Full PDB file with SEQRES, HELIX, SHEET, SSBOND, CRYST1, ORIGX, SCALE, CONECT and MASTER records, all heavy atoms in Angstrom:
SEQRES   1 A   31  TYR GLY SER GLY LYS MET PRO LYS VAL LYS CYS LYS GLU          
SEQRES   2 A   31  CYS GLY GLY LEU GLY VAL VAL LYS LYS GLN GLN GLU VAL          
SEQRES   3 A   31  LYS ILE VAL ILE PRO                                          
CRYST1    1.000    1.000    1.000  90.00  90.00  90.00 P 1           1          
ORIGX1      1.000000  0.000000  0.000000        0.00000                         
ORIGX2      0.000000  1.000000  0.000000        0.00000                         
ORIGX3      0.000000  0.000000  1.000000        0.00000                         
SCALE1      1.000000  0.000000  0.000000        0.00000                         
SCALE2      0.000000  1.000000  0.000000        0.00000                         
SCALE3      0.000000  0.000000  1.000000        0.00000                         
ATOM      1  N   TYR A   1      79.857 118.540-109.361  1.00  0.00           N  
ATOM      2  CA  TYR A   1      78.527 118.434-108.692  1.00  0.00           C  
ATOM      3  C   TYR A   1      78.281 119.656-107.759  1.00  0.00           C  
ATOM      4  O   TYR A   1      77.715 119.494-106.681  1.00  0.00           O  
ATOM      5  CB  TYR A   1      78.417 117.067-107.836  1.00  0.00           C  
ATOM      6  CG  TYR A   1      78.772 115.911-108.751  1.00  0.00           C  
ATOM      7  CD1 TYR A   1      79.920 115.191-108.626  1.00  0.00           C  
ATOM      8  CD2 TYR A   1      77.854 115.526-109.724  1.00  0.00           C  
ATOM      9  CE1 TYR A   1      80.250 114.144-109.425  1.00  0.00           C  
ATOM     10  CE2 TYR A   1      78.076 114.405-110.488  1.00  0.00           C  
ATOM     11  CZ  TYR A   1      79.315 113.750-110.342  1.00  0.00           C  
ATOM     12  OH  TYR A   1      79.528 112.606-111.174  1.00  0.00           O  
ATOM     13  N   GLY A   2      78.675 120.796-108.144  1.00  0.00           N  
ATOM     14  CA  GLY A   2      78.393 121.998-107.453  1.00  0.00           C  
ATOM     15  C   GLY A   2      79.431 122.371-106.420  1.00  0.00           C  
ATOM     16  O   GLY A   2      79.320 123.482-105.780  1.00  0.00           O  
ATOM     17  N   SER A   3      80.420 121.576-106.170  1.00  0.00           N  
ATOM     18  CA  SER A   3      81.449 121.908-105.143  1.00  0.00           C  
ATOM     19  C   SER A   3      82.527 122.887-105.502  1.00  0.00           C  
ATOM     20  O   SER A   3      83.192 123.498-104.725  1.00  0.00           O  
ATOM     21  CB  SER A   3      82.087 120.627-104.612  1.00  0.00           C  
ATOM     22  OG  SER A   3      82.941 119.989-105.566  1.00  0.00           O  
ATOM     23  N   GLY A   4      82.716 122.952-106.814  1.00  0.00           N  
ATOM     24  CA  GLY A   4      83.789 123.789-107.325  1.00  0.00           C  
ATOM     25  C   GLY A   4      85.208 123.130-107.371  1.00  0.00           C  
ATOM     26  O   GLY A   4      86.118 123.669-107.771  1.00  0.00           O  
ATOM     27  N   LYS A   5      85.206 121.897-106.777  1.00  0.00           N  
ATOM     28  CA  LYS A   5      86.492 121.201-106.706  1.00  0.00           C  
ATOM     29  C   LYS A   5      86.336 119.807-107.365  1.00  0.00           C  
ATOM     30  O   LYS A   5      85.237 119.174-107.340  1.00  0.00           O  
ATOM     31  CB  LYS A   5      86.825 120.972-105.192  1.00  0.00           C  
ATOM     32  CG  LYS A   5      87.193 122.255-104.469  1.00  0.00           C  
ATOM     33  CD  LYS A   5      88.530 122.858-104.939  1.00  0.00           C  
ATOM     34  CE  LYS A   5      88.916 123.987-104.063  1.00  0.00           C  
ATOM     35  NZ  LYS A   5      90.208 124.647-104.421  1.00  0.00           N  
ATOM     36  N   MET A   6      87.364 119.338-107.951  1.00  0.00           N  
ATOM     37  CA  MET A   6      87.391 118.024-108.586  1.00  0.00           C  
ATOM     38  C   MET A   6      88.610 117.224-108.184  1.00  0.00           C  
ATOM     39  O   MET A   6      89.619 117.850-107.813  1.00  0.00           O  
ATOM     40  CB  MET A   6      87.377 118.186-110.142  1.00  0.00           C  
ATOM     41  CG  MET A   6      88.535 118.933-110.730  1.00  0.00           C  
ATOM     42  SD  MET A   6      88.422 119.267-112.459  1.00  0.00           S  
ATOM     43  CE  MET A   6      88.752 117.572-113.098  1.00  0.00           C  
ATOM     44  N   PRO A   7      88.478 115.889-108.203  1.00  0.00           N  
ATOM     45  CA  PRO A   7      89.646 115.150-107.701  1.00  0.00           C  
ATOM     46  C   PRO A   7      90.801 115.212-108.723  1.00  0.00           C  
ATOM     47  O   PRO A   7      90.634 115.246-109.988  1.00  0.00           O  
ATOM     48  CB  PRO A   7      89.076 113.691-107.727  1.00  0.00           C  
ATOM     49  CG  PRO A   7      87.630 113.786-107.756  1.00  0.00           C  
ATOM     50  CD  PRO A   7      87.312 115.118-108.469  1.00  0.00           C  
ATOM     51  N   LYS A   8      91.969 115.445-108.165  1.00  0.00           N  
ATOM     52  CA  LYS A   8      93.124 115.422-109.019  1.00  0.00           C  
ATOM     53  C   LYS A   8      93.365 114.054-109.576  1.00  0.00           C  
ATOM     54  O   LYS A   8      93.759 113.852-110.716  1.00  0.00           O  
ATOM     55  CB  LYS A   8      94.393 115.871-108.245  1.00  0.00           C  
ATOM     56  CG  LYS A   8      95.601 116.199-109.087  1.00  0.00           C  
ATOM     57  CD  LYS A   8      96.724 116.805-108.275  1.00  0.00           C  
ATOM     58  CE  LYS A   8      97.934 117.165-109.161  1.00  0.00           C  
ATOM     59  NZ  LYS A   8      99.011 117.810-108.374  1.00  0.00           N  
ATOM     60  N   VAL A   9      93.163 113.036-108.649  1.00  0.00           N  
ATOM     61  CA  VAL A   9      93.206 111.646-109.113  1.00  0.00           C  
ATOM     62  C   VAL A   9      91.883 111.001-108.549  1.00  0.00           C  
ATOM     63  O   VAL A   9      91.623 111.043-107.424  1.00  0.00           O  
ATOM     64  CB  VAL A   9      94.393 110.892-108.434  1.00  0.00           C  
ATOM     65  CG1 VAL A   9      94.431 109.403-108.836  1.00  0.00           C  
ATOM     66  CG2 VAL A   9      95.754 111.570-108.786  1.00  0.00           C  
ATOM     67  N   LYS A  10      91.143 110.483-109.476  1.00  0.00           N  
ATOM     68  CA  LYS A  10      89.786 109.937-109.168  1.00  0.00           C  
ATOM     69  C   LYS A  10      89.965 108.630-108.370  1.00  0.00           C  
ATOM     70  O   LYS A  10      90.921 107.887-108.545  1.00  0.00           O  
ATOM     71  CB  LYS A  10      88.980 109.612-110.396  1.00  0.00           C  
ATOM     72  CG  LYS A  10      88.546 110.879-111.083  1.00  0.00           C  
ATOM     73  CD  LYS A  10      87.694 110.478-112.333  1.00  0.00           C  
ATOM     74  CE  LYS A  10      87.214 111.707-113.078  1.00  0.00           C  
ATOM     75  NZ  LYS A  10      86.414 111.388-114.273  1.00  0.00           N  
ATOM     76  N   CYS A  11      89.032 108.436-107.370  1.00  0.00           N  
ATOM     77  CA  CYS A  11      89.046 107.245-106.524  1.00  0.00           C  
ATOM     78  C   CYS A  11      88.874 106.021-107.365  1.00  0.00           C  
ATOM     79  O   CYS A  11      88.107 105.923-108.279  1.00  0.00           O  
ATOM     80  CB  CYS A  11      87.892 107.385-105.569  1.00  0.00           C  
ATOM     81  SG  CYS A  11      87.578 105.818-104.520  1.00  0.00           S  
ATOM     82  N   LYS A  12      89.755 104.978-107.112  1.00  0.00           N  
ATOM     83  CA  LYS A  12      89.739 103.729-107.957  1.00  0.00           C  
ATOM     84  C   LYS A  12      88.463 103.007-107.716  1.00  0.00           C  
ATOM     85  O   LYS A  12      88.002 102.173-108.584  1.00  0.00           O  
ATOM     86  CB  LYS A  12      90.917 102.876-107.548  1.00  0.00           C  
ATOM     87  CG  LYS A  12      92.246 103.449-107.920  1.00  0.00           C  
ATOM     88  CD  LYS A  12      93.406 102.601-107.455  1.00  0.00           C  
ATOM     89  CE  LYS A  12      94.721 103.200-107.800  1.00  0.00           C  
ATOM     90  NZ  LYS A  12      95.889 102.405-107.276  1.00  0.00           N  
ATOM     91  N   GLU A  13      87.800 103.159-106.549  1.00  0.00           N  
ATOM     92  CA  GLU A  13      86.620 102.371-106.193  1.00  0.00           C  
ATOM     93  C   GLU A  13      85.375 102.970-106.855  1.00  0.00           C  
ATOM     94  O   GLU A  13      84.580 102.204-107.418  1.00  0.00           O  
ATOM     95  CB  GLU A  13      86.420 102.373-104.689  1.00  0.00           C  
ATOM     96  CG  GLU A  13      85.268 101.487-104.201  1.00  0.00           C  
ATOM     97  CD  GLU A  13      85.484 100.007-104.397  1.00  0.00           C  
ATOM     98  OE1 GLU A  13      86.647  99.619-104.460  1.00  0.00           O  
ATOM     99  OE2 GLU A  13      84.455  99.269-104.423  1.00  0.00           O  
ATOM    100  N   CYS A  14      85.230 104.225-106.827  1.00  0.00           N  
ATOM    101  CA  CYS A  14      83.915 104.841-107.268  1.00  0.00           C  
ATOM    102  C   CYS A  14      84.098 105.680-108.584  1.00  0.00           C  
ATOM    103  O   CYS A  14      83.165 106.246-109.152  1.00  0.00           O  
ATOM    104  CB  CYS A  14      83.315 105.700-106.198  1.00  0.00           C  
ATOM    105  SG  CYS A  14      84.315 107.141-105.775  1.00  0.00           S  
ATOM    106  N   GLY A  15      85.400 105.802-109.022  1.00  0.00           N  
ATOM    107  CA  GLY A  15      85.607 106.541-110.311  1.00  0.00           C  
ATOM    108  C   GLY A  15      85.422 108.041-110.121  1.00  0.00           C  
ATOM    109  O   GLY A  15      85.063 108.752-111.070  1.00  0.00           O  
ATOM    110  N   GLY A  16      85.500 108.521-108.866  1.00  0.00           N  
ATOM    111  CA  GLY A  16      85.351 109.955-108.678  1.00  0.00           C  
ATOM    112  C   GLY A  16      83.988 110.376-108.252  1.00  0.00           C  
ATOM    113  O   GLY A  16      83.698 111.569-107.974  1.00  0.00           O  
ATOM    114  N   LEU A  17      82.989 109.413-108.357  1.00  0.00           N  
ATOM    115  CA  LEU A  17      81.583 109.814-108.095  1.00  0.00           C  
ATOM    116  C   LEU A  17      81.324 110.041-106.538  1.00  0.00           C  
ATOM    117  O   LEU A  17      80.493 110.800-106.099  1.00  0.00           O  
ATOM    118  CB  LEU A  17      80.635 108.735-108.542  1.00  0.00           C  
ATOM    119  CG  LEU A  17      80.610 108.622-110.044  1.00  0.00           C  
ATOM    120  CD1 LEU A  17      79.672 107.409-110.425  1.00  0.00           C  
ATOM    121  CD2 LEU A  17      80.096 109.807-110.751  1.00  0.00           C  
ATOM    122  N   GLY A  18      82.040 109.300-105.688  1.00  0.00           N  
ATOM    123  CA  GLY A  18      81.889 109.350-104.279  1.00  0.00           C  
ATOM    124  C   GLY A  18      80.818 108.408-103.791  1.00  0.00           C  
ATOM    125  O   GLY A  18      80.606 108.272-102.557  1.00  0.00           O  
ATOM    126  N   VAL A  19      80.100 107.744-104.679  1.00  0.00           N  
ATOM    127  CA  VAL A  19      79.150 106.715-104.322  1.00  0.00           C  
ATOM    128  C   VAL A  19      79.310 105.464-105.067  1.00  0.00           C  
ATOM    129  O   VAL A  19      79.763 105.517-106.244  1.00  0.00           O  
ATOM    130  CB  VAL A  19      77.671 107.303-104.498  1.00  0.00           C  
ATOM    131  CG1 VAL A  19      77.410 108.502-103.624  1.00  0.00           C  
ATOM    132  CG2 VAL A  19      77.378 107.607-105.925  1.00  0.00           C  
ATOM    133  N   VAL A  20      78.926 104.333-104.494  1.00  0.00           N  
ATOM    134  CA  VAL A  20      78.980 103.058-105.233  1.00  0.00           C  
ATOM    135  C   VAL A  20      77.769 102.224-104.879  1.00  0.00           C  
ATOM    136  O   VAL A  20      77.132 102.421-103.861  1.00  0.00           O  
ATOM    137  CB  VAL A  20      80.234 102.266-104.815  1.00  0.00           C  
ATOM    138  CG1 VAL A  20      81.540 102.924-105.363  1.00  0.00           C  
ATOM    139  CG2 VAL A  20      80.322 102.080-103.292  1.00  0.00           C  
ATOM    140  N   LYS A  21      77.410 101.304-105.710  1.00  0.00           N  
ATOM    141  CA  LYS A  21      76.260 100.404-105.546  1.00  0.00           C  
ATOM    142  C   LYS A  21      76.790  99.268-104.709  1.00  0.00           C  
ATOM    143  O   LYS A  21      77.751  98.567-105.160  1.00  0.00           O  
ATOM    144  CB  LYS A  21      75.738  99.909-106.888  1.00  0.00           C  
ATOM    145  CG  LYS A  21      74.372  99.254-106.674  1.00  0.00           C  
ATOM    146  CD  LYS A  21      73.182 100.156-106.557  1.00  0.00           C  
ATOM    147  CE  LYS A  21      71.867  99.447-106.653  1.00  0.00           C  
ATOM    148  NZ  LYS A  21      70.764 100.342-106.445  1.00  0.00           N  
ATOM    149  N   LYS A  22      76.211  99.048-103.589  1.00  0.00           N  
ATOM    150  CA  LYS A  22      76.691  97.900-102.661  1.00  0.00           C  
ATOM    151  C   LYS A  22      75.620  97.500-101.692  1.00  0.00           C  
ATOM    152  O   LYS A  22      74.566  98.230-101.578  1.00  0.00           O  
ATOM    153  CB  LYS A  22      77.918  98.345-101.925  1.00  0.00           C  
ATOM    154  CG  LYS A  22      77.696  99.488-100.948  1.00  0.00           C  
ATOM    155  CD  LYS A  22      79.008  99.801-100.211  1.00  0.00           C  
ATOM    156  CE  LYS A  22      78.740 100.945 -99.200  1.00  0.00           C  
ATOM    157  NZ  LYS A  22      79.938 101.304 -98.409  1.00  0.00           N  
ATOM    158  N   GLN A  23      75.809  96.359-101.015  1.00  0.00           N  
ATOM    159  CA  GLN A  23      74.920  95.926-100.024  1.00  0.00           C  
ATOM    160  C   GLN A  23      75.358  96.527 -98.657  1.00  0.00           C  
ATOM    161  O   GLN A  23      76.507  96.554 -98.312  1.00  0.00           O  
ATOM    162  CB  GLN A  23      74.894  94.413 -99.912  1.00  0.00           C  
ATOM    163  CG  GLN A  23      74.096  93.773-101.014  1.00  0.00           C  
ATOM    164  CD  GLN A  23      73.812  92.295-100.750  1.00  0.00           C  
ATOM    165  OE1 GLN A  23      74.643  91.602-100.154  1.00  0.00           O  
ATOM    166  NE2 GLN A  23      72.682  91.809-101.139  1.00  0.00           N  
ATOM    167  N   GLN A  24      74.415  97.110 -97.963  1.00  0.00           N  
ATOM    168  CA  GLN A  24      74.727  97.761 -96.734  1.00  0.00           C  
ATOM    169  C   GLN A  24      73.787  97.320 -95.623  1.00  0.00           C  
ATOM    170  O   GLN A  24      72.562  97.212 -95.860  1.00  0.00           O  
ATOM    171  CB  GLN A  24      74.686  99.284 -96.817  1.00  0.00           C  
ATOM    172  CG  GLN A  24      75.050 100.061 -95.601  1.00  0.00           C  
ATOM    173  CD  GLN A  24      75.025 101.534 -95.795  1.00  0.00           C  
ATOM    174  OE1 GLN A  24      74.975 102.004 -96.958  1.00  0.00           O  
ATOM    175  NE2 GLN A  24      75.032 102.268 -94.740  1.00  0.00           N  
ATOM    176  N   GLU A  25      74.364  96.960 -94.489  1.00  0.00           N  
ATOM    177  CA  GLU A  25      73.565  96.566 -93.315  1.00  0.00           C  
ATOM    178  C   GLU A  25      73.073  97.823 -92.587  1.00  0.00           C  
ATOM    179  O   GLU A  25      73.824  98.670 -92.253  1.00  0.00           O  
ATOM    180  CB  GLU A  25      74.359  95.672 -92.388  1.00  0.00           C  
ATOM    181  CG  GLU A  25      73.554  95.090 -91.330  1.00  0.00           C  
ATOM    182  CD  GLU A  25      74.288  94.043 -90.437  1.00  0.00           C  
ATOM    183  OE1 GLU A  25      75.244  94.484 -89.757  1.00  0.00           O  
ATOM    184  OE2 GLU A  25      74.019  92.828 -90.469  1.00  0.00           O  
ATOM    185  N   VAL A  26      71.762  97.835 -92.417  1.00  0.00           N  
ATOM    186  CA  VAL A  26      71.179  98.979 -91.689  1.00  0.00           C  
ATOM    187  C   VAL A  26      70.567  98.522 -90.465  1.00  0.00           C  
ATOM    188  O   VAL A  26      69.755  97.561 -90.444  1.00  0.00           O  
ATOM    189  CB  VAL A  26      70.093  99.699 -92.613  1.00  0.00           C  
ATOM    190  CG1 VAL A  26      69.507 100.904 -91.888  1.00  0.00           C  
ATOM    191  CG2 VAL A  26      70.723 100.218 -93.934  1.00  0.00           C  
ATOM    192  N   LYS A  27      70.879  99.152 -89.349  1.00  0.00           N  
ATOM    193  CA  LYS A  27      70.222  98.854 -88.042  1.00  0.00           C  
ATOM    194  C   LYS A  27      68.960  99.658 -87.820  1.00  0.00           C  
ATOM    195  O   LYS A  27      68.982 100.925 -87.977  1.00  0.00           O  
ATOM    196  CB  LYS A  27      71.269  99.130 -86.955  1.00  0.00           C  
ATOM    197  CG  LYS A  27      70.869  98.744 -85.471  1.00  0.00           C  
ATOM    198  CD  LYS A  27      71.940  99.064 -84.543  1.00  0.00           C  
ATOM    199  CE  LYS A  27      71.481  98.637 -83.164  1.00  0.00           C  
ATOM    200  NZ  LYS A  27      72.553  99.004 -82.111  1.00  0.00           N  
ATOM    201  N   ILE A  28      67.826  98.929 -87.490  1.00  0.00           N  
ATOM    202  CA  ILE A  28      66.608  99.665 -87.299  1.00  0.00           C  
ATOM    203  C   ILE A  28      66.121  99.419 -85.953  1.00  0.00           C  
ATOM    204  O   ILE A  28      65.910  98.292 -85.485  1.00  0.00           O  
ATOM    205  CB  ILE A  28      65.569  99.091 -88.347  1.00  0.00           C  
ATOM    206  CG1 ILE A  28      66.011  99.303 -89.753  1.00  0.00           C  
ATOM    207  CG2 ILE A  28      64.209  99.758 -88.104  1.00  0.00           C  
ATOM    208  CD1 ILE A  28      65.207  98.527 -90.751  1.00  0.00           C  
ATOM    209  N   VAL A  29      65.996 100.533 -85.165  1.00  0.00           N  
ATOM    210  CA  VAL A  29      65.495 100.406 -83.827  1.00  0.00           C  
ATOM    211  C   VAL A  29      63.981 100.719 -83.820  1.00  0.00           C  
ATOM    212  O   VAL A  29      63.603 101.819 -84.196  1.00  0.00           O  
ATOM    213  CB  VAL A  29      66.232 101.475 -82.869  1.00  0.00           C  
ATOM    214  CG1 VAL A  29      65.675 101.448 -81.469  1.00  0.00           C  
ATOM    215  CG2 VAL A  29      67.717 101.228 -82.874  1.00  0.00           C  
ATOM    216  N   ILE A  30      63.245  99.766 -83.400  1.00  0.00           N  
ATOM    217  CA  ILE A  30      61.772  99.852 -83.423  1.00  0.00           C  
ATOM    218  C   ILE A  30      61.272 100.245 -82.049  1.00  0.00           C  
ATOM    219  O   ILE A  30      61.508  99.506 -81.063  1.00  0.00           O  
ATOM    220  CB  ILE A  30      61.139  98.483 -83.843  1.00  0.00           C  
ATOM    221  CG1 ILE A  30      61.570  98.229 -85.320  1.00  0.00           C  
ATOM    222  CG2 ILE A  30      59.617  98.636 -83.836  1.00  0.00           C  
ATOM    223  CD1 ILE A  30      61.515  96.771 -85.666  1.00  0.00           C  
ATOM    224  N   PRO A  31      60.575 101.377 -81.877  1.00  0.00           N  
ATOM    225  CA  PRO A  31      60.163 101.835 -80.533  1.00  0.00           C  
ATOM    226  C   PRO A  31      59.057 100.940 -79.933  1.00  0.00           C  
ATOM    227  O   PRO A  31      58.346 100.269 -80.717  1.00  0.00           O  
ATOM    228  CB  PRO A  31      59.710 103.216 -80.836  1.00  0.00           C  
ATOM    229  CG  PRO A  31      59.237 103.206 -82.190  1.00  0.00           C  
ATOM    230  CD  PRO A  31      60.141 102.269 -82.990  1.00  0.00           C  
TER     231      PRO A  31                                                      
MASTER        0    0    0    0    0    0    0    6  230    1    0    3          
END                                                                             
């Protein structure tokens, strides 16, 4: 993905992509 480096061992969670589909709680501060 343009970094010039690749994992020697891919992450078990994301398979080396660095991103996963998940639910995330986001805090929104309304002025």
